[in-house]
Amino acid sequence: MRRFASLRSQADFARLRRHGRRVSTKSFVIYRSEALPGDARALVGITVSKAIGKAVLRNKLRRRLAAVLDEALAPRNAMRLLFVARPFAANASFGDLRAEVTSALGPV
């Protein structure tokens, strides 16, 4: 079982973009906010635009990022995260993505 659930509604994505704390890295822009009442675990949204590449590449990046987040997030931490991929992330290795996410999130 994953340590996080997916953000689903467009309103949640927009709320994080407007009110979340922003952290920029070379591969991602990360928006982070505290959990709302009723959030039992972390809620994560992943956005990979067509500027990254074709569907196969976008889905591969999305799956890699989900795997990295599953390792990086502690099961007891409830928060809301939005990851917006930048074109540099398409060519990054799994280890590079892991290191970047871990350093950007800090002590979770």
N, C-alpha and C. Protein backbone atom coordinates (compact mmCIF):
# COMPACT_ATOMS: atom_id res chain seq x y z
N MET A 1 0.84 -1.18 0.00
CA MET A 1 0.00 0.00 0.00
C MET A 1 0.88 1.24 0.00
N ARG A 2 0.53 2.18 -0.85
CA ARG A 2 1.30 3.42 -0.93
C ARG A 2 1.19 4.23 0.35
N ARG A 3 2.20 5.02 0.60
CA ARG A 3 2.21 5.87 1.78
C ARG A 3 1.51 7.19 1.53
N PHE A 4 1.00 7.36 0.33
CA PHE A 4 0.28 8.59 0.01
C PHE A 4 -0.92 8.28 -0.86
N ALA A 5 -1.87 9.21 -0.86
CA ALA A 5 -3.04 9.13 -1.74
C ALA A 5 -2.89 10.22 -2.79
N SER A 6 -3.68 10.14 -3.84
CA SER A 6 -3.57 11.11 -4.93
C SER A 6 -4.53 12.28 -4.74
N LEU A 7 -4.02 13.45 -5.05
CA LEU A 7 -4.91 14.61 -5.16
C LEU A 7 -5.71 14.45 -6.43
N ARG A 8 -7.00 14.66 -6.38
CA ARG A 8 -7.83 14.39 -7.53
C ARG A 8 -8.48 15.64 -8.13
N SER A 9 -8.94 16.54 -7.29
CA SER A 9 -9.75 17.65 -7.81
C SER A 9 -8.88 18.82 -8.28
N GLN A 10 -9.36 19.48 -9.29
CA GLN A 10 -8.68 20.65 -9.84
C GLN A 10 -8.60 21.76 -8.78
N ALA A 11 -9.60 21.83 -7.92
CA ALA A 11 -9.59 22.85 -6.86
C ALA A 11 -8.44 22.63 -5.89
N ASP A 12 -8.13 21.37 -5.57
CA ASP A 12 -7.00 21.09 -4.69
C ASP A 12 -5.67 21.48 -5.32
N PHE A 13 -5.53 21.21 -6.62
CA PHE A 13 -4.31 21.62 -7.34
C PHE A 13 -4.17 23.14 -7.32
N ALA A 14 -5.27 23.84 -7.61
CA ALA A 14 -5.24 25.30 -7.65
C ALA A 14 -4.97 25.89 -6.26
N ARG A 15 -5.55 25.30 -5.23
CA ARG A 15 -5.34 25.78 -3.86
C ARG A 15 -3.87 25.64 -3.46
N LEU A 16 -3.25 24.53 -3.83
CA LEU A 16 -1.84 24.35 -3.51
C LEU A 16 -0.96 25.34 -4.27
N ARG A 17 -1.30 25.58 -5.52
CA ARG A 17 -0.52 26.56 -6.30
C ARG A 17 -0.62 27.96 -5.71
N ARG A 18 -1.80 28.32 -5.21
CA ARG A 18 -1.99 29.66 -4.66
C ARG A 18 -1.43 29.82 -3.26
N HIS A 19 -1.65 28.83 -2.40
CA HIS A 19 -1.34 29.01 -0.98
C HIS A 19 -0.20 28.15 -0.45
N GLY A 20 0.30 27.21 -1.23
CA GLY A 20 1.36 26.33 -0.74
C GLY A 20 2.72 27.00 -0.77
N ARG A 21 3.61 26.50 0.07
CA ARG A 21 5.00 26.97 0.04
C ARG A 21 5.68 26.36 -1.17
N ARG A 22 6.41 27.16 -1.89
CA ARG A 22 7.00 26.73 -3.16
C ARG A 22 8.49 26.48 -3.00
N VAL A 23 8.93 25.34 -3.54
CA VAL A 23 10.35 25.00 -3.58
C VAL A 23 10.67 24.64 -5.03
N SER A 24 11.68 25.29 -5.59
CA SER A 24 12.07 25.02 -6.98
C SER A 24 13.39 24.28 -7.01
N THR A 25 13.45 23.26 -7.85
CA THR A 25 14.69 22.54 -8.10
C THR A 25 14.89 22.52 -9.61
N LYS A 26 15.96 21.88 -10.06
CA LYS A 26 16.17 21.87 -11.51
C LYS A 26 15.20 20.95 -12.22
N SER A 27 14.63 19.96 -11.53
CA SER A 27 13.70 19.03 -12.16
C SER A 27 12.24 19.26 -11.81
N PHE A 28 11.96 19.94 -10.70
CA PHE A 28 10.59 20.09 -10.23
C PHE A 28 10.32 21.45 -9.63
N VAL A 29 9.06 21.80 -9.59
CA VAL A 29 8.56 22.86 -8.73
C VAL A 29 7.63 22.14 -7.76
N ILE A 30 7.88 22.29 -6.47
CA ILE A 30 7.13 21.57 -5.46
C ILE A 30 6.35 22.57 -4.62
N TYR A 31 5.05 22.33 -4.52
CA TYR A 31 4.18 23.12 -3.66
C TYR A 31 3.80 22.25 -2.48
N ARG A 32 3.91 22.80 -1.27
CA ARG A 32 3.69 22.02 -0.05
C ARG A 32 2.80 22.80 0.90
N SER A 33 1.84 22.12 1.50
CA SER A 33 1.01 22.76 2.53
C SER A 33 0.67 21.74 3.60
N GLU A 34 0.16 22.25 4.69
CA GLU A 34 -0.25 21.39 5.79
C GLU A 34 -1.50 20.61 5.39
N ALA A 35 -1.72 19.50 6.05
CA ALA A 35 -2.90 18.68 5.78
C ALA A 35 -4.16 19.37 6.28
N LEU A 36 -5.25 19.13 5.60
CA LEU A 36 -6.54 19.62 6.06
C LEU A 36 -7.11 18.63 7.06
N PRO A 37 -8.03 19.07 7.91
CA PRO A 37 -8.65 18.13 8.84
C PRO A 37 -9.29 16.97 8.06
N GLY A 38 -9.02 15.78 8.52
CA GLY A 38 -9.56 14.60 7.85
C GLY A 38 -8.57 13.90 6.94
N ASP A 39 -7.42 14.52 6.67
CA ASP A 39 -6.39 13.86 5.86
C ASP A 39 -5.62 12.87 6.74
N ALA A 40 -5.77 11.60 6.45
CA ALA A 40 -5.11 10.57 7.26
C ALA A 40 -3.65 10.38 6.86
N ARG A 41 -3.34 10.63 5.59
CA ARG A 41 -1.97 10.46 5.11
C ARG A 41 -1.68 11.54 4.08
N ALA A 42 -0.50 11.52 3.55
CA ALA A 42 -0.10 12.54 2.59
C ALA A 42 -0.94 12.43 1.32
N LEU A 43 -1.29 13.59 0.76
CA LEU A 43 -1.98 13.67 -0.52
C LEU A 43 -1.01 14.31 -1.51
N VAL A 44 -0.80 13.64 -2.64
CA VAL A 44 0.21 14.07 -3.60
C VAL A 44 -0.42 14.20 -4.99
N GLY A 45 -0.10 15.30 -5.66
CA GLY A 45 -0.47 15.49 -7.05
C GLY A 45 0.79 15.58 -7.88
N ILE A 46 0.78 14.96 -9.05
CA ILE A 46 1.93 14.99 -9.95
C ILE A 46 1.47 15.51 -11.30
N THR A 47 2.10 16.58 -11.77
CA THR A 47 1.75 17.18 -13.05
C THR A 47 2.95 17.08 -13.98
N VAL A 48 2.72 16.46 -15.13
CA VAL A 48 3.76 16.34 -16.15
C VAL A 48 3.14 16.80 -17.47
N SER A 49 3.56 17.95 -17.96
CA SER A 49 2.94 18.53 -19.14
C SER A 49 3.49 17.91 -20.43
N LYS A 50 2.84 18.22 -21.53
CA LYS A 50 3.26 17.71 -22.83
C LYS A 50 4.61 18.28 -23.28
N ALA A 51 5.05 19.34 -22.62
CA ALA A 51 6.36 19.91 -22.94
C ALA A 51 7.49 18.94 -22.57
N ILE A 52 7.21 18.00 -21.68
CA ILE A 52 8.21 17.02 -21.25
C ILE A 52 8.51 16.03 -22.37
N GLY A 53 7.48 15.61 -23.09
CA GLY A 53 7.68 14.64 -24.15
C GLY A 53 6.39 13.90 -24.45
N LYS A 54 6.53 12.79 -25.15
CA LYS A 54 5.36 11.98 -25.51
C LYS A 54 4.82 11.24 -24.29
N ALA A 55 3.67 10.61 -24.46
CA ALA A 55 2.95 9.99 -23.35
C ALA A 55 3.78 8.92 -22.64
N VAL A 56 4.54 8.15 -23.37
CA VAL A 56 5.34 7.09 -22.75
C VAL A 56 6.35 7.70 -21.78
N LEU A 57 7.01 8.76 -22.18
CA LEU A 57 8.00 9.42 -21.34
C LEU A 57 7.34 10.09 -20.14
N ARG A 58 6.21 10.75 -20.36
CA ARG A 58 5.49 11.41 -19.26
C ARG A 58 5.04 10.39 -18.22
N ASN A 59 4.49 9.26 -18.66
CA ASN A 59 4.02 8.25 -17.71
C ASN A 59 5.19 7.59 -16.98
N LYS A 60 6.30 7.40 -17.65
CA LYS A 60 7.49 6.83 -17.00
C LYS A 60 7.97 7.75 -15.89
N LEU A 61 8.01 9.05 -16.18
CA LEU A 61 8.43 10.03 -15.18
C LEU A 61 7.45 10.05 -14.01
N ARG A 62 6.18 9.98 -14.30
CA ARG A 62 5.15 9.97 -13.24
C ARG A 62 5.31 8.74 -12.34
N ARG A 63 5.55 7.58 -12.93
CA ARG A 63 5.74 6.35 -12.14
C ARG A 63 7.03 6.42 -11.31
N ARG A 64 8.10 6.93 -11.90
CA ARG A 64 9.36 7.07 -11.15
C ARG A 64 9.19 8.00 -9.95
N LEU A 65 8.53 9.12 -10.17
CA LEU A 65 8.32 10.07 -9.08
C LEU A 65 7.44 9.46 -7.99
N ALA A 66 6.42 8.71 -8.37
CA ALA A 66 5.58 8.05 -7.38
C ALA A 66 6.38 7.05 -6.55
N ALA A 67 7.29 6.32 -7.18
CA ALA A 67 8.13 5.37 -6.45
C ALA A 67 9.08 6.08 -5.50
N VAL A 68 9.65 7.20 -5.94
CA VAL A 68 10.55 7.97 -5.08
C VAL A 68 9.78 8.51 -3.87
N LEU A 69 8.59 9.02 -4.10
CA LEU A 69 7.79 9.57 -3.01
C LEU A 69 7.35 8.48 -2.04
N ASP A 70 7.08 7.30 -2.54
CA ASP A 70 6.69 6.20 -1.66
C ASP A 70 7.82 5.87 -0.69
N GLU A 71 9.06 5.99 -1.15
CA GLU A 71 10.21 5.76 -0.27
C GLU A 71 10.44 6.94 0.67
N ALA A 72 10.25 8.16 0.17
CA ALA A 72 10.64 9.35 0.91
C ALA A 72 9.64 9.77 1.98
N LEU A 73 8.37 9.51 1.77
CA LEU A 73 7.37 9.97 2.72
C LEU A 73 7.19 8.99 3.87
N ALA A 74 7.16 9.51 5.06
CA ALA A 74 6.90 8.67 6.23
C ALA A 74 5.40 8.41 6.31
N PRO A 75 4.99 7.23 6.74
CA PRO A 75 3.57 6.91 6.74
C PRO A 75 2.74 7.75 7.70
N ARG A 76 3.34 8.32 8.71
CA ARG A 76 2.58 9.09 9.68
C ARG A 76 2.43 10.56 9.30
N ASN A 77 3.14 11.01 8.30
CA ASN A 77 3.11 12.42 7.91
C ASN A 77 1.93 12.72 7.00
N ALA A 78 1.04 13.57 7.46
CA ALA A 78 -0.08 14.01 6.63
C ALA A 78 0.26 15.41 6.14
N MET A 79 0.33 15.59 4.84
CA MET A 79 0.60 16.87 4.21
C MET A 79 0.04 16.82 2.80
N ARG A 80 0.05 17.93 2.14
CA ARG A 80 -0.38 17.99 0.74
C ARG A 80 0.79 18.48 -0.09
N LEU A 81 1.08 17.76 -1.17
CA LEU A 81 2.20 18.08 -2.05
C LEU A 81 1.74 18.10 -3.49
N LEU A 82 2.30 19.02 -4.26
CA LEU A 82 2.07 19.05 -5.70
C LEU A 82 3.43 19.14 -6.38
N PHE A 83 3.72 18.19 -7.25
CA PHE A 83 4.96 18.17 -8.01
C PHE A 83 4.66 18.53 -9.45
N VAL A 84 5.32 19.57 -9.95
CA VAL A 84 5.20 19.98 -11.34
C VAL A 84 6.56 19.72 -11.98
N ALA A 85 6.58 18.80 -12.93
CA ALA A 85 7.84 18.39 -13.55
C ALA A 85 8.34 19.43 -14.54
N ARG A 86 9.64 19.61 -14.56
CA ARG A 86 10.30 20.45 -15.55
C ARG A 86 10.97 19.55 -16.58
N PRO A 87 11.27 20.08 -17.77
CA PRO A 87 11.86 19.23 -18.83
C PRO A 87 13.15 18.52 -18.43
N PHE A 88 13.92 19.09 -17.52
CA PHE A 88 15.18 18.45 -17.10
C PHE A 88 14.92 17.09 -16.45
N ALA A 89 13.76 16.91 -15.83
CA ALA A 89 13.45 15.66 -15.12
C ALA A 89 13.33 14.47 -16.07
N ALA A 90 13.01 14.73 -17.33
CA ALA A 90 12.81 13.63 -18.29
C ALA A 90 14.09 12.82 -18.49
N ASN A 91 15.23 13.45 -18.42
CA ASN A 91 16.50 12.76 -18.66
C ASN A 91 17.25 12.39 -17.39
N ALA A 92 16.68 12.71 -16.23
CA ALA A 92 17.35 12.42 -14.96
C ALA A 92 17.22 10.94 -14.62
N SER A 93 18.24 10.40 -13.98
CA SER A 93 18.19 9.01 -13.55
C SER A 93 17.34 8.89 -12.29
N PHE A 94 16.99 7.65 -11.96
CA PHE A 94 16.17 7.41 -10.77
C PHE A 94 16.90 7.90 -9.51
N GLY A 95 18.18 7.65 -9.43
CA GLY A 95 18.98 8.10 -8.28
C GLY A 95 19.01 9.61 -8.16
N ASP A 96 19.13 10.29 -9.31
CA ASP A 96 19.13 11.76 -9.29
C ASP A 96 17.79 12.30 -8.81
N LEU A 97 16.70 11.69 -9.29
CA LEU A 97 15.36 12.12 -8.86
C LEU A 97 15.19 11.90 -7.36
N ARG A 98 15.64 10.75 -6.87
CA ARG A 98 15.53 10.44 -5.44
C ARG A 98 16.29 11.47 -4.60
N ALA A 99 17.53 11.76 -5.00
CA ALA A 99 18.34 12.72 -4.25
C ALA A 99 17.72 14.10 -4.26
N GLU A 100 17.19 14.50 -5.40
CA GLU A 100 16.59 15.83 -5.52
C GLU A 100 15.32 15.97 -4.68
N VAL A 101 14.47 14.96 -4.72
CA VAL A 101 13.23 15.00 -3.94
C VAL A 101 13.55 14.97 -2.45
N THR A 102 14.48 14.13 -2.05
CA THR A 102 14.83 14.02 -0.63
C THR A 102 15.40 15.33 -0.11
N SER A 103 16.25 15.97 -0.88
CA SER A 103 16.83 17.24 -0.43
C SER A 103 15.80 18.37 -0.45
N ALA A 104 14.88 18.34 -1.41
CA ALA A 104 13.87 19.41 -1.50
C ALA A 104 12.84 19.32 -0.38
N LEU A 105 12.46 18.09 -0.02
CA LEU A 105 11.47 17.93 1.04
C LEU A 105 12.07 18.12 2.42
N GLY A 106 13.38 17.91 2.54
CA GLY A 106 14.02 18.07 3.83
C GLY A 106 13.54 17.02 4.80
N PRO A 107 13.63 17.31 6.08
CA PRO A 107 13.13 16.35 7.07
C PRO A 107 11.61 16.31 7.03
N VAL A 108 11.08 15.23 6.49
CA VAL A 108 9.62 15.10 6.34
C VAL A 108 9.01 14.56 7.58
